[in-house]
Amino acid sequence: MLTGEGRFDAQSLAGKGPGKVVARAQRAGVPVVVLAGQVEAGLDLGPAARAVAVSDPGLPLEQCLRDTRRCVRVAAAAQVATFLG
């Protein structure tokens, strides 16, 4: 399962939409990936969930914001490749 948010953090897990998607996927035993512009470090999502920042660490945030489609496309493709092995 795939979901997304601008910034994924502890508040996201405490009731926002993407946090609810993660919780439901975990209950169903379905792997889930959260694509977000930024991800708070240290979140415990469990073994079948991960949160991935779509911003390219080599680019300034302003450039990532201007090129959001490419950043999301690259991050999503990498996650799909990981799941397909």
PDB file of N, CA and C in Angstrom:
ATOM      1  N   MET A   1       0.845  -1.153   0.000  1.00  0.00           N
ATOM      2  CA  MET A   1       0.000   0.000   0.000  1.00  0.00           C
ATOM      3  C   MET A   1       0.904   1.233   0.000  1.00  0.00           C
ATOM      4  N   LEU A   2       0.422   2.272  -0.575  1.00  0.00           N
ATOM      5  CA  LEU A   2       1.191   3.507  -0.695  1.00  0.00           C
ATOM      6  C   LEU A   2       0.327   4.678  -0.256  1.00  0.00           C
ATOM      7  N   THR A   3       0.902   5.549   0.557  1.00  0.00           N
ATOM      8  CA  THR A   3       0.208   6.768   0.970  1.00  0.00           C
ATOM      9  C   THR A   3       1.236   7.893   1.032  1.00  0.00           C
ATOM     10  N   GLY A   4       0.796   9.102   1.260  1.00  0.00           N
ATOM     11  CA  GLY A   4       1.735  10.208   1.276  1.00  0.00           C
ATOM     12  C   GLY A   4       1.263  11.370   2.115  1.00  0.00           C
ATOM     13  N   GLU A   5       2.213  12.237   2.411  1.00  0.00           N
ATOM     14  CA  GLU A   5       1.928  13.437   3.201  1.00  0.00           C
ATOM     15  C   GLU A   5       3.074  14.415   2.990  1.00  0.00           C
ATOM     16  N   GLY A   6       2.820  15.678   3.213  1.00  0.00           N
ATOM     17  CA  GLY A   6       3.871  16.683   3.077  1.00  0.00           C
ATOM     18  C   GLY A   6       4.992  16.482   4.072  1.00  0.00           C
ATOM     19  N   ARG A   7       4.627  16.311   5.353  1.00  0.00           N
ATOM     20  CA  ARG A   7       5.609  16.007   6.404  1.00  0.00           C
ATOM     21  C   ARG A   7       5.033  14.896   7.259  1.00  0.00           C
ATOM     22  N   PHE A   8       5.741  13.787   7.349  1.00  0.00           N
ATOM     23  CA  PHE A   8       5.288  12.641   8.125  1.00  0.00           C
ATOM     24  C   PHE A   8       6.036  12.641   9.454  1.00  0.00           C
ATOM     25  N   ASP A   9       5.269  12.781  10.550  1.00  0.00           N
ATOM     26  CA  ASP A   9       5.883  12.891  11.875  1.00  0.00           C
ATOM     27  C   ASP A   9       4.985  12.228  12.915  1.00  0.00           C
ATOM     28  N   ALA A  10       5.297  12.429  14.178  1.00  0.00           N
ATOM     29  CA  ALA A  10       4.531  11.805  15.259  1.00  0.00           C
ATOM     30  C   ALA A  10       3.057  12.199  15.197  1.00  0.00           C
ATOM     31  N   GLN A  11       2.753  13.423  14.802  1.00  0.00           N
ATOM     32  CA  GLN A  11       1.353  13.845  14.670  1.00  0.00           C
ATOM     33  C   GLN A  11       0.636  13.032  13.602  1.00  0.00           C
ATOM     34  N   SER A  12       1.348  12.655  12.551  1.00  0.00           N
ATOM     35  CA  SER A  12       0.756  11.844  11.490  1.00  0.00           C
ATOM     36  C   SER A  12       0.288  10.508  12.051  1.00  0.00           C
ATOM     37  N   LEU A  13       1.116   9.922  12.919  1.00  0.00           N
ATOM     38  CA  LEU A  13       0.780   8.631  13.511  1.00  0.00           C
ATOM     39  C   LEU A  13      -0.315   8.751  14.565  1.00  0.00           C
ATOM     40  N   ALA A  14      -0.561   9.955  15.053  1.00  0.00           N
ATOM     41  CA  ALA A  14      -1.536  10.163  16.128  1.00  0.00           C
ATOM     42  C   ALA A  14      -2.930  10.470  15.611  1.00  0.00           C
ATOM     43  N   GLY A  15      -3.188  10.221  14.336  1.00  0.00           N
ATOM     44  CA  GLY A  15      -4.560  10.381  13.883  1.00  0.00           C
ATOM     45  C   GLY A  15      -4.761  10.997  12.519  1.00  0.00           C
ATOM     46  N   LYS A  16      -3.735  11.520  11.878  1.00  0.00           N
ATOM     47  CA  LYS A  16      -3.906  12.061  10.530  1.00  0.00           C
ATOM     48  C   LYS A  16      -4.127  10.911   9.545  1.00  0.00           C
ATOM     49  N   GLY A  17      -4.620  11.228   8.380  1.00  0.00           N
ATOM     50  CA  GLY A  17      -4.951  10.221   7.367  1.00  0.00           C
ATOM     51  C   GLY A  17      -3.855   9.203   7.088  1.00  0.00           C
ATOM     52  N   PRO A  18      -2.639   9.637   6.748  1.00  0.00           N
ATOM     53  CA  PRO A  18      -1.582   8.664   6.461  1.00  0.00           C
ATOM     54  C   PRO A  18      -1.260   7.758   7.651  1.00  0.00           C
ATOM     55  N   GLY A  19      -1.350   8.279   8.860  1.00  0.00           N
ATOM     56  CA  GLY A  19      -1.134   7.446  10.043  1.00  0.00           C
ATOM     57  C   GLY A  19      -2.200   6.371  10.169  1.00  0.00           C
ATOM     58  N   LYS A  20      -3.425   6.725   9.835  1.00  0.00           N
ATOM     59  CA  LYS A  20      -4.519   5.748   9.863  1.00  0.00           C
ATOM     60  C   LYS A  20      -4.323   4.687   8.787  1.00  0.00           C
ATOM     61  N   VAL A  21      -3.818   5.092   7.615  1.00  0.00           N
ATOM     62  CA  VAL A  21      -3.532   4.128   6.556  1.00  0.00           C
ATOM     63  C   VAL A  21      -2.467   3.141   7.029  1.00  0.00           C
ATOM     64  N   VAL A  22      -1.419   3.650   7.675  1.00  0.00           N
ATOM     65  CA  VAL A  22      -0.356   2.781   8.202  1.00  0.00           C
ATOM     66  C   VAL A  22      -0.945   1.796   9.212  1.00  0.00           C
ATOM     67  N   ALA A  23      -1.761   2.280  10.132  1.00  0.00           N
ATOM     68  CA  ALA A  23      -2.350   1.411  11.162  1.00  0.00           C
ATOM     69  C   ALA A  23      -3.230   0.328  10.544  1.00  0.00           C
ATOM     70  N   ARG A  24      -4.059   0.693   9.589  1.00  0.00           N
ATOM     71  CA  ARG A  24      -4.940  -0.300   8.945  1.00  0.00           C
ATOM     72  C   ARG A  24      -4.135  -1.329   8.154  1.00  0.00           C
ATOM     73  N   ALA A  25      -3.122  -0.856   7.448  1.00  0.00           N
ATOM     74  CA  ALA A  25      -2.286  -1.782   6.676  1.00  0.00           C
ATOM     75  C   ALA A  25      -1.592  -2.765   7.616  1.00  0.00           C
ATOM     76  N   GLN A  26      -1.095  -2.269   8.736  1.00  0.00           N
ATOM     77  CA  GLN A  26      -0.424  -3.145   9.692  1.00  0.00           C
ATOM     78  C   GLN A  26      -1.390  -4.190  10.248  1.00  0.00           C
ATOM     79  N   ARG A  27      -2.607  -3.778  10.581  1.00  0.00           N
ATOM     80  CA  ARG A  27      -3.600  -4.738  11.092  1.00  0.00           C
ATOM     81  C   ARG A  27      -3.932  -5.798  10.053  1.00  0.00           C
ATOM     82  N   ALA A  28      -3.908  -5.414   8.785  1.00  0.00           N
ATOM     83  CA  ALA A  28      -4.233  -6.346   7.710  1.00  0.00           C
ATOM     84  C   ALA A  28      -3.020  -7.150   7.247  1.00  0.00           C
ATOM     85  N   GLY A  29      -1.847  -6.834   7.775  1.00  0.00           N
ATOM     86  CA  GLY A  29      -0.637  -7.545   7.362  1.00  0.00           C
ATOM     87  C   GLY A  29      -0.146  -7.152   5.981  1.00  0.00           C
ATOM     88  N   VAL A  30      -0.475  -5.937   5.570  1.00  0.00           N
ATOM     89  CA  VAL A  30      -0.103  -5.433   4.245  1.00  0.00           C
ATOM     90  C   VAL A  30       1.062  -4.457   4.391  1.00  0.00           C
ATOM     91  N   PRO A  31       2.140  -4.649   3.631  1.00  0.00           N
ATOM     92  CA  PRO A  31       3.241  -3.682   3.686  1.00  0.00           C
ATOM     93  C   PRO A  31       2.760  -2.298   3.233  1.00  0.00           C
ATOM     94  N   VAL A  32       3.309  -1.267   3.826  1.00  0.00           N
ATOM     95  CA  VAL A  32       2.892   0.094   3.479  1.00  0.00           C
ATOM     96  C   VAL A  32       4.117   1.005   3.438  1.00  0.00           C
ATOM     97  N   VAL A  33       4.100   1.904   2.454  1.00  0.00           N
ATOM     98  CA  VAL A  33       5.146   2.913   2.308  1.00  0.00           C
ATOM     99  C   VAL A  33       4.480   4.280   2.327  1.00  0.00           C
ATOM    100  N   VAL A  34       5.044   5.176   3.122  1.00  0.00           N
ATOM    101  CA  VAL A  34       4.599   6.561   3.151  1.00  0.00           C
ATOM    102  C   VAL A  34       5.639   7.377   2.395  1.00  0.00           C
ATOM    103  N   LEU A  35       5.226   8.068   1.359  1.00  0.00           N
ATOM    104  CA  LEU A  35       6.096   9.008   0.653  1.00  0.00           C
ATOM    105  C   LEU A  35       5.769  10.394   1.185  1.00  0.00           C
ATOM    106  N   ALA A  36       6.780  11.102   1.644  1.00  0.00           N
ATOM    107  CA  ALA A  36       6.553  12.422   2.232  1.00  0.00           C
ATOM    108  C   ALA A  36       7.662  13.374   1.826  1.00  0.00           C
ATOM    109  N   GLY A  37       7.335  14.642   1.818  1.00  0.00           N
ATOM    110  CA  GLY A  37       8.351  15.644   1.535  1.00  0.00           C
ATOM    111  C   GLY A  37       9.454  15.605   2.577  1.00  0.00           C
ATOM    112  N   GLN A  38       9.073  15.420   3.823  1.00  0.00           N
ATOM    113  CA  GLN A  38      10.019  15.282   4.931  1.00  0.00           C
ATOM    114  C   GLN A  38       9.508  14.187   5.859  1.00  0.00           C
ATOM    115  N   VAL A  39      10.437  13.480   6.495  1.00  0.00           N
ATOM    116  CA  VAL A  39      10.090  12.422   7.441  1.00  0.00           C
ATOM    117  C   VAL A  39      10.846  12.674   8.743  1.00  0.00           C
ATOM    118  N   GLU A  40      10.109  12.705   9.837  1.00  0.00           N
ATOM    119  CA  GLU A  40      10.736  12.862  11.145  1.00  0.00           C
ATOM    120  C   GLU A  40      11.586  11.621  11.444  1.00  0.00           C
ATOM    121  N   ALA A  41      12.803  11.842  11.873  1.00  0.00           N
ATOM    122  CA  ALA A  41      13.694  10.730  12.208  1.00  0.00           C
ATOM    123  C   ALA A  41      13.203  10.012  13.458  1.00  0.00           C
ATOM    124  N   GLY A  42      13.436   8.708  13.490  1.00  0.00           N
ATOM    125  CA  GLY A  42      13.178   7.931  14.688  1.00  0.00           C
ATOM    126  C   GLY A  42      11.766   7.433  14.877  1.00  0.00           C
ATOM    127  N   LEU A  43      10.903   7.561  13.888  1.00  0.00           N
ATOM    128  CA  LEU A  43       9.538   7.057  14.032  1.00  0.00           C
ATOM    129  C   LEU A  43       9.548   5.535  13.992  1.00  0.00           C
ATOM    130  N   ASP A  44       8.788   4.901  14.879  1.00  0.00           N
ATOM    131  CA  ASP A  44       8.683   3.446  14.898  1.00  0.00           C
ATOM    132  C   ASP A  44       7.422   3.054  14.141  1.00  0.00           C
ATOM    133  N   LEU A  45       7.611   2.561  12.925  1.00  0.00           N
ATOM    134  CA  LEU A  45       6.477   2.178  12.087  1.00  0.00           C
ATOM    135  C   LEU A  45       6.249   0.678  12.057  1.00  0.00           C
ATOM    136  N   GLY A  46       7.090  -0.086  12.712  1.00  0.00           N
ATOM    137  CA  GLY A  46       6.942  -1.535  12.690  1.00  0.00           C
ATOM    138  C   GLY A  46       7.656  -2.145  11.500  1.00  0.00           C
ATOM    139  N   PRO A  47       7.629  -3.486  11.429  1.00  0.00           N
ATOM    140  CA  PRO A  47       8.439  -4.182  10.432  1.00  0.00           C
ATOM    141  C   PRO A  47       7.943  -4.095   8.987  1.00  0.00           C
ATOM    142  N   ALA A  48       6.647  -3.877   8.779  1.00  0.00           N
ATOM    143  CA  ALA A  48       6.113  -3.899   7.413  1.00  0.00           C
ATOM    144  C   ALA A  48       5.754  -2.508   6.906  1.00  0.00           C
ATOM    145  N   ALA A  49       6.308  -1.475   7.523  1.00  0.00           N
ATOM    146  CA  ALA A  49       6.005  -0.110   7.102  1.00  0.00           C
ATOM    147  C   ALA A  49       7.283   0.705   7.060  1.00  0.00           C
ATOM    148  N   ARG A  50       7.307   1.645   6.153  1.00  0.00           N
ATOM    149  CA  ARG A  50       8.443   2.569   6.102  1.00  0.00           C
ATOM    150  C   ARG A  50       7.962   3.909   5.578  1.00  0.00           C
ATOM    151  N   ALA A  51       8.662   4.942   6.011  1.00  0.00           N
ATOM    152  CA  ALA A  51       8.383   6.298   5.547  1.00  0.00           C
ATOM    153  C   ALA A  51       9.631   6.789   4.832  1.00  0.00           C
ATOM    154  N   VAL A  52       9.440   7.311   3.632  1.00  0.00           N
ATOM    155  CA  VAL A  52      10.547   7.710   2.771  1.00  0.00           C
ATOM    156  C   VAL A  52      10.385   9.169   2.376  1.00  0.00           C
ATOM    157  N   ALA A  53      11.426   9.950   2.589  1.00  0.00           N
ATOM    158  CA  ALA A  53      11.410  11.344   2.134  1.00  0.00           C
ATOM    159  C   ALA A  53      11.653  11.372   0.633  1.00  0.00           C
ATOM    160  N   VAL A  54      10.826  12.110  -0.075  1.00  0.00           N
ATOM    161  CA  VAL A  54      10.980  12.181  -1.526  1.00  0.00           C
ATOM    162  C   VAL A  54      11.968  13.252  -1.946  1.00  0.00           C
ATOM    163  N   SER A  55      12.326  14.113  -1.008  1.00  0.00           N
ATOM    164  CA  SER A  55      13.282  15.150  -1.373  1.00  0.00           C
ATOM    165  C   SER A  55      14.662  14.526  -1.575  1.00  0.00           C
ATOM    166  N   ASP A  56      15.329  14.957  -2.583  1.00  0.00           N
ATOM    167  CA  ASP A  56      16.668  14.465  -2.908  1.00  0.00           C
ATOM    168  C   ASP A  56      17.647  15.114  -1.943  1.00  0.00           C
ATOM    169  N   PRO A  57      18.370  14.319  -1.136  1.00  0.00           N
ATOM    170  CA  PRO A  57      19.266  14.922  -0.150  1.00  0.00           C
ATOM    171  C   PRO A  57      20.371  15.777  -0.758  1.00  0.00           C
ATOM    172  N   GLY A  58      20.633  15.602  -2.041  1.00  0.00           N
ATOM    173  CA  GLY A  58      21.677  16.393  -2.689  1.00  0.00           C
ATOM    174  C   GLY A  58      21.190  17.719  -3.229  1.00  0.00           C
ATOM    175  N   LEU A  59      19.886  17.969  -3.117  1.00  0.00           N
ATOM    176  CA  LEU A  59      19.322  19.205  -3.659  1.00  0.00           C
ATOM    177  C   LEU A  59      18.794  20.091  -2.537  1.00  0.00           C
ATOM    178  N   PRO A  60      18.884  21.401  -2.698  1.00  0.00           N
ATOM    179  CA  PRO A  60      18.255  22.299  -1.732  1.00  0.00           C
ATOM    180  C   PRO A  60      16.729  22.096  -1.750  1.00  0.00           C
ATOM    181  N   LEU A  61      16.088  22.289  -0.614  1.00  0.00           N
ATOM    182  CA  LEU A  61      14.646  22.098  -0.510  1.00  0.00           C
ATOM    183  C   LEU A  61      13.892  22.895  -1.572  1.00  0.00           C
ATOM    184  N   GLU A  62      14.306  24.124  -1.826  1.00  0.00           N
ATOM    185  CA  GLU A  62      13.611  24.961  -2.814  1.00  0.00           C
ATOM    186  C   GLU A  62      13.607  24.303  -4.190  1.00  0.00           C
ATOM    187  N   GLN A  63      14.698  23.661  -4.561  1.00  0.00           N
ATOM    188  CA  GLN A  63      14.766  23.001  -5.864  1.00  0.00           C
ATOM    189  C   GLN A  63      13.872  21.759  -5.879  1.00  0.00           C
ATOM    190  N   CYS A  64      13.847  21.019  -4.781  1.00  0.00           N
ATOM    191  CA  CYS A  64      12.962  19.851  -4.695  1.00  0.00           C
ATOM    192  C   CYS A  64      11.505  20.272  -4.816  1.00  0.00           C
ATOM    193  N   LEU A  65      11.160  21.399  -4.194  1.00  0.00           N
ATOM    194  CA  LEU A  65       9.785  21.888  -4.279  1.00  0.00           C
ATOM    195  C   LEU A  65       9.424  22.275  -5.712  1.00  0.00           C
ATOM    196  N   ARG A  66      10.388  22.823  -6.452  1.00  0.00           N
ATOM    197  CA  ARG A  66      10.128  23.178  -7.850  1.00  0.00           C
ATOM    198  C   ARG A  66      10.020  21.940  -8.728  1.00  0.00           C
ATOM    199  N   ASP A  67      10.661  20.849  -8.319  1.00  0.00           N
ATOM    200  CA  ASP A  67      10.720  19.633  -9.131  1.00  0.00           C
ATOM    201  C   ASP A  67      10.045  18.464  -8.399  1.00  0.00           C
ATOM    202  N   THR A  68       8.915  18.742  -7.764  1.00  0.00           N
ATOM    203  CA  THR A  68       8.233  17.759  -6.933  1.00  0.00           C
ATOM    204  C   THR A  68       7.863  16.493  -7.709  1.00  0.00           C
ATOM    205  N   ARG A  69       7.326  16.644  -8.902  1.00  0.00           N
ATOM    206  CA  ARG A  69       6.903  15.457  -9.665  1.00  0.00           C
ATOM    207  C   ARG A  69       8.046  14.488  -9.879  1.00  0.00           C
ATOM    208  N   ARG A  70       9.206  15.014 -10.257  1.00  0.00           N
ATOM    209  CA  ARG A  70      10.353  14.135 -10.484  1.00  0.00           C
ATOM    210  C   ARG A  70      10.786  13.471  -9.181  1.00  0.00           C
ATOM    211  N   CYS A  71      10.841  14.232  -8.103  1.00  0.00           N
ATOM    212  CA  CYS A  71      11.264  13.676  -6.817  1.00  0.00           C
ATOM    213  C   CYS A  71      10.321  12.564  -6.363  1.00  0.00           C
ATOM    214  N   VAL A  72       9.022  12.777  -6.484  1.00  0.00           N
ATOM    215  CA  VAL A  72       8.047  11.753  -6.099  1.00  0.00           C
ATOM    216  C   VAL A  72       8.170  10.543  -7.013  1.00  0.00           C
ATOM    217  N   ARG A  73       8.298  10.773  -8.298  1.00  0.00           N
ATOM    218  CA  ARG A  73       8.418   9.673  -9.264  1.00  0.00           C
ATOM    219  C   ARG A  73       9.641   8.806  -8.961  1.00  0.00           C
ATOM    220  N   VAL A  74      10.776   9.423  -8.691  1.00  0.00           N
ATOM    221  CA  VAL A  74      12.007   8.688  -8.400  1.00  0.00           C
ATOM    222  C   VAL A  74      11.861   7.896  -7.101  1.00  0.00           C
ATOM    223  N   ALA A  75      11.335   8.524  -6.055  1.00  0.00           N
ATOM    224  CA  ALA A  75      11.169   7.842  -4.768  1.00  0.00           C
ATOM    225  C   ALA A  75      10.179   6.681  -4.880  1.00  0.00           C
ATOM    226  N   ALA A  76       9.065   6.893  -5.575  1.00  0.00           N
ATOM    227  CA  ALA A  76       8.064   5.830  -5.729  1.00  0.00           C
ATOM    228  C   ALA A  76       8.633   4.662  -6.531  1.00  0.00           C
ATOM    229  N   ALA A  77       9.349   4.951  -7.595  1.00  0.00           N
ATOM    230  CA  ALA A  77       9.938   3.877  -8.407  1.00  0.00           C
ATOM    231  C   ALA A  77      10.933   3.064  -7.589  1.00  0.00           C
ATOM    232  N   ALA A  78      11.720   3.718  -6.762  1.00  0.00           N
ATOM    233  CA  ALA A  78      12.696   3.002  -5.933  1.00  0.00           C
ATOM    234  C   ALA A  78      11.978   2.091  -4.940  1.00  0.00           C
ATOM    235  N   GLN A  79      10.874   2.553  -4.358  1.00  0.00           N
ATOM    236  CA  GLN A  79      10.147   1.731  -3.392  1.00  0.00           C
ATOM    237  C   GLN A  79       9.472   0.550  -4.070  1.00  0.00           C
ATOM    238  N   VAL A  80       8.899   0.757  -5.250  1.00  0.00           N
ATOM    239  CA  VAL A  80       8.275  -0.343  -5.995  1.00  0.00           C
ATOM    240  C   VAL A  80       9.335  -1.391  -6.344  1.00  0.00           C
ATOM    241  N   ALA A  81      10.494  -0.937  -6.779  1.00  0.00           N
ATOM    242  CA  ALA A  81      11.576  -1.871  -7.116  1.00  0.00           C
ATOM    243  C   ALA A  81      11.983  -2.682  -5.885  1.00  0.00           C
ATOM    244  N   THR A  82      12.019  -2.046  -4.724  1.00  0.00           N
ATOM    245  CA  THR A  82      12.372  -2.736  -3.480  1.00  0.00           C
ATOM    246  C   THR A  82      11.344  -3.814  -3.153  1.00  0.00           C
ATOM    247  N   PHE A  83      10.068  -3.495  -3.301  1.00  0.00           N
ATOM    248  CA  PHE A  83       9.014  -4.465  -2.984  1.00  0.00           C
ATOM    249  C   PHE A  83       8.993  -5.624  -3.980  1.00  0.00           C
ATOM    250  N   LEU A  84       9.295  -5.328  -5.232  1.00  0.00           N
ATOM    251  CA  LEU A  84       9.269  -6.395  -6.255  1.00  0.00           C
ATOM    252  C   LEU A  84      10.529  -7.237  -6.228  1.00  0.00           C
ATOM    253  N   GLY A  85      11.548  -6.718  -5.533  1.00  0.00           N
ATOM    254  CA  GLY A  85      12.799  -7.468  -5.366  1.00  0.00           C
ATOM    255  C   GLY A  85      13.568  -7.507  -6.617  1.00  0.00           C
TER     256      GLY A  85
END
